[in-house]
C-alpha atoms as a PDB file:
ATOM      1  CA  MET A   1     157.572 -24.460 -18.237  1.00  0.00           C
ATOM      2  CA  ILE A   2     159.418 -26.231 -21.237  1.00  0.00           C
ATOM      3  CA  LYS A   3     160.269 -29.803 -20.666  1.00  0.00           C
ATOM      4  CA  LYS A   4     163.530 -30.921 -21.808  1.00  0.00           C
ATOM      5  CA  VAL A   5     163.504 -34.015 -23.901  1.00  0.00           C
ATOM      6  CA  LYS A   6     166.474 -36.316 -24.190  1.00  0.00           C
ATOM      7  CA  ASN A   7     168.003 -36.946 -27.620  1.00  0.00           C
ATOM      8  CA  SER A   8     166.385 -39.821 -29.342  1.00  0.00           C
ATOM      9  CA  ASP A   9     168.762 -42.479 -31.091  1.00  0.00           C
ATOM     10  CA  THR A  10     166.172 -43.053 -33.896  1.00  0.00           C
ATOM     11  CA  LYS A  11     167.109 -42.262 -37.569  1.00  0.00           C
ATOM     12  CA  SER A  12     164.062 -39.944 -38.030  1.00  0.00           C
ATOM     13  CA  TYR A  13     165.130 -37.884 -34.931  1.00  0.00           C
ATOM     14  CA  LYS A  14     168.571 -37.547 -36.501  1.00  0.00           C
ATOM     15  CA  HIS A  15     167.185 -36.538 -39.840  1.00  0.00           C
ATOM     16  CA  VAL A  16     165.186 -33.670 -38.223  1.00  0.00           C
ATOM     17  CA  ALA A  17     168.118 -32.577 -36.051  1.00  0.00           C
ATOM     18  CA  ASP A  18     170.400 -32.445 -38.951  1.00  0.00           C
ATOM     19  CA  GLY A  19     167.711 -30.455 -41.070  1.00  0.00           C
ATOM     20  CA  CYS A  20     167.227 -27.873 -38.232  1.00  0.00           C
ATOM     21  CA  ALA A  21     171.012 -27.497 -37.923  1.00  0.00           C
ATOM     22  CA  ASP A  22     171.137 -26.560 -41.721  1.00  0.00           C
ATOM     23  CA  ARG A  23     172.019 -22.925 -42.111  1.00  0.00           C
ATOM     24  CA  LEU A  24     170.208 -22.635 -45.258  1.00  0.00           C
ATOM     25  CA  LEU A  25     166.996 -24.512 -44.130  1.00  0.00           C
ATOM     26  CA  GLU A  26     164.871 -21.394 -44.463  1.00  0.00           C
ATOM     27  CA  VAL A  27     166.011 -20.757 -47.987  1.00  0.00           C
ATOM     28  CA  LYS A  28     165.513 -24.321 -49.134  1.00  0.00           C
ATOM     29  CA  LEU A  29     161.986 -24.265 -47.649  1.00  0.00           C
ATOM     30  CA  GLN A  30     161.193 -20.915 -49.072  1.00  0.00           C
ATOM     31  CA  PHE A  31     162.452 -22.440 -52.624  1.00  0.00           C
ATOM     32  CA  MET A  32     160.121 -25.347 -52.036  1.00  0.00           C
ATOM     33  CA  LEU A  33     157.422 -23.038 -51.107  1.00  0.00           C
ATOM     34  CA  SER A  34     157.672 -21.335 -54.438  1.00  0.00           C
ATOM     35  CA  ILE A  35     157.380 -24.477 -56.331  1.00  0.00           C
ATOM     36  CA  GLY A  36     154.315 -25.370 -54.177  1.00  0.00           C
ATOM     37  CA  LYS A  37     152.583 -22.103 -54.947  1.00  0.00           C
ATOM     38  CA  SER A  38     153.119 -22.709 -58.654  1.00  0.00           C
ATOM     39  CA  LEU A  39     151.513 -26.141 -58.360  1.00  0.00           C
ATOM     40  CA  GLN A  40     148.750 -24.988 -56.140  1.00  0.00           C
ATOM     41  CA  ALA A  41     147.793 -22.209 -58.738  1.00  0.00           C
ATOM     42  CA  PHE A  42     147.545 -24.896 -61.290  1.00  0.00           C
ATOM     43  CA  LEU A  43     145.711 -27.168 -59.247  1.00  0.00           C
ATOM     44  CA  LEU A  44     143.300 -24.376 -58.223  1.00  0.00           C
ATOM     45  CA  TRP A  45     142.560 -23.489 -61.722  1.00  0.00           C
ATOM     46  CA  PHE A  46     141.315 -26.778 -62.706  1.00  0.00           C
ATOM     47  CA  GLN A  47     139.298 -27.483 -59.513  1.00  0.00           C
ATOM     48  CA  THR A  48     136.167 -26.424 -61.140  1.00  0.00           C
ATOM     49  CA  ASP A  49     132.919 -28.146 -62.690  1.00  0.00           C
ATOM     50  CA  ASN A  50     133.601 -25.946 -65.754  1.00  0.00           C
ATOM     51  CA  PRO A  51     134.921 -28.028 -68.911  1.00  0.00           C
ATOM     52  CA  MET A  52     138.634 -27.503 -68.554  1.00  0.00           C
ATOM     53  CA  SER A  53     140.005 -30.160 -70.547  1.00  0.00           C
ATOM     54  CA  PRO A  54     140.574 -27.992 -73.786  1.00  0.00           C
ATOM     55  CA  PHE A  55     143.226 -25.838 -71.576  1.00  0.00           C
ATOM     56  CA  LEU A  56     144.883 -28.862 -69.761  1.00  0.00           C
ATOM     57  CA  VAL A  57     147.699 -29.527 -72.181  1.00  0.00           C
ATOM     58  CA  SER A  58     148.681 -25.949 -72.874  1.00  0.00           C
ATOM     59  CA  ASP A  59     148.452 -25.239 -69.045  1.00  0.00           C
ATOM     60  CA  GLU A  60     150.417 -28.318 -68.254  1.00  0.00           C
ATOM     61  CA  VAL A  61     153.217 -27.157 -70.686  1.00  0.00           C
ATOM     62  CA  ASP A  62     153.221 -23.837 -69.026  1.00  0.00           C
ATOM     63  CA  LEU A  63     153.750 -25.195 -65.542  1.00  0.00           C
ATOM     64  CA  VAL A  64     156.546 -27.519 -66.603  1.00  0.00           C
ATOM     65  CA  GLN A  65     158.330 -24.762 -68.405  1.00  0.00           C
ATOM     66  CA  ASP A  66     157.961 -22.609 -65.375  1.00  0.00           C
ATOM     67  CA  LEU A  67     159.349 -25.171 -63.060  1.00  0.00           C
ATOM     68  CA  LEU A  68     162.229 -25.810 -65.532  1.00  0.00           C
ATOM     69  CA  ALA A  69     162.943 -22.248 -65.702  1.00  0.00           C
ATOM     70  CA  LYS A  70     164.334 -22.468 -62.190  1.00  0.00           C
ATOM     71  CA  PHE A  71     167.041 -25.180 -63.120  1.00  0.00           C
ATOM     72  CA  PHE A  72     167.763 -24.396 -66.863  1.00  0.00           C
ATOM     73  CA  SER A  73     168.711 -21.373 -68.665  1.00  0.00           C
ATOM     74  CA  ARG A  74     166.417 -19.476 -70.966  1.00  0.00           C
ATOM     75  CA  LYS A  75     168.486 -20.427 -73.903  1.00  0.00           C
ATOM     76  CA  THR A  76     167.867 -24.156 -73.393  1.00  0.00           C
ATOM     77  CA  LEU A  77     164.248 -23.565 -72.727  1.00  0.00           C
ATOM     78  CA  ASP A  78     163.761 -21.642 -75.927  1.00  0.00           C
ATOM     79  CA  THR A  79     164.817 -24.921 -77.807  1.00  0.00           C
ATOM     80  CA  LEU A  80     161.598 -26.676 -76.285  1.00  0.00           C
ATOM     81  CA  LYS A  81     158.979 -25.516 -78.955  1.00  0.00           C
ATOM     82  CA  THR A  82     156.511 -28.319 -78.772  1.00  0.00           C
ATOM     83  CA  THR A  83     155.030 -30.651 -76.347  1.00  0.00           C
ATOM     84  CA  ALA A  84     156.968 -33.491 -77.850  1.00  0.00           C
ATOM     85  CA  ASP A  85     160.246 -31.488 -77.500  1.00  0.00           C
ATOM     86  CA  LEU A  86     159.487 -30.933 -73.753  1.00  0.00           C
ATOM     87  CA  CYS A  87     158.687 -34.647 -73.279  1.00  0.00           C
ATOM     88  CA  LYS A  88     161.919 -35.642 -74.899  1.00  0.00           C
ATOM     89  CA  PHE A  89     164.023 -33.204 -73.053  1.00  0.00           C
ATOM     90  CA  ASN A  90     166.706 -34.857 -70.959  1.00  0.00           C
ATOM     91  CA  VAL A  91     167.049 -33.190 -67.586  1.00  0.00           C
ATOM     92  CA  GLU A  92     170.104 -35.129 -66.642  1.00  0.00           C
ATOM     93  CA  LYS A  93     172.451 -33.488 -69.110  1.00  0.00           C
ATOM     94  CA  ASN A  94     174.761 -31.448 -66.763  1.00  0.00           C
ATOM     95  CA  GLU A  95     175.643 -28.995 -69.502  1.00  0.00           C
ATOM     96  CA  THR A  96     172.068 -27.685 -69.721  1.00  0.00           C
ATOM     97  CA  HIS A  97     171.792 -26.719 -65.982  1.00  0.00           C
ATOM     98  CA  THR A  98     172.107 -23.314 -64.664  1.00  0.00           C
ATOM     99  CA  GLN A  99     172.431 -22.133 -61.159  1.00  0.00           C
ATOM    100  CA  VAL A 100     169.289 -22.372 -59.262  1.00  0.00           C
ATOM    101  CA  ASP A 101     167.767 -19.078 -58.549  1.00  0.00           C
ATOM    102  CA  VAL A 102     166.539 -19.276 -54.918  1.00  0.00           C
ATOM    103  CA  GLY A 103     165.163 -15.768 -55.171  1.00  0.00           C
ATOM    104  CA  PHE A 104     164.821 -13.008 -52.727  1.00  0.00           C
ATOM    105  CA  GLN A 105     164.746 -15.088 -49.635  1.00  0.00           C
ATOM    106  CA  LEU A 106     168.307 -15.887 -49.994  1.00  0.00           C
ATOM    107  CA  ASN A 107     169.343 -12.388 -50.289  1.00  0.00           C
ATOM    108  CA  ASN A 108     167.404 -11.736 -46.885  1.00  0.00           C
ATOM    109  CA  TYR A 109     169.123 -14.705 -45.317  1.00  0.00           C
ATOM    110  CA  PHE A 110     172.494 -13.553 -45.905  1.00  0.00           C
ATOM    111  CA  ALA A 111     171.602  -9.896 -45.028  1.00  0.00           C
ATOM    112  CA  ASN A 112     170.438 -10.987 -41.567  1.00  0.00           C
ATOM    113  CA  ILE A 113     173.671 -13.272 -41.114  1.00  0.00           C
ATOM    114  CA  HIS A 114     175.785 -10.446 -41.566  1.00  0.00           C
ATOM    115  CA  GLN A 115     174.343  -7.929 -39.306  1.00  0.00           C
END
């Protein structure tokens, strides 16, 4: 038997209720999951007793570029040739942003809505 719980007046309850009412919640969570998987792969690679420090900088650069590719165009990312370029890159410039690619999950979401 499911027990009905009355609505709470707390801020945290309202945040969760608003989040659950969001029609794009599943898409947003899938997007965050894709970012988490990228980070997890990086962390697992370096979770070893082997000497991995020679690979750290190049792999960090690859990780940051992979994450930036979700938000910025390839043309913009091709200008970031060195680690110094990457560190100086201003992510707040609106003209360098591209549409966020939320991927396959969004297509599934809209396909299910229209059925």
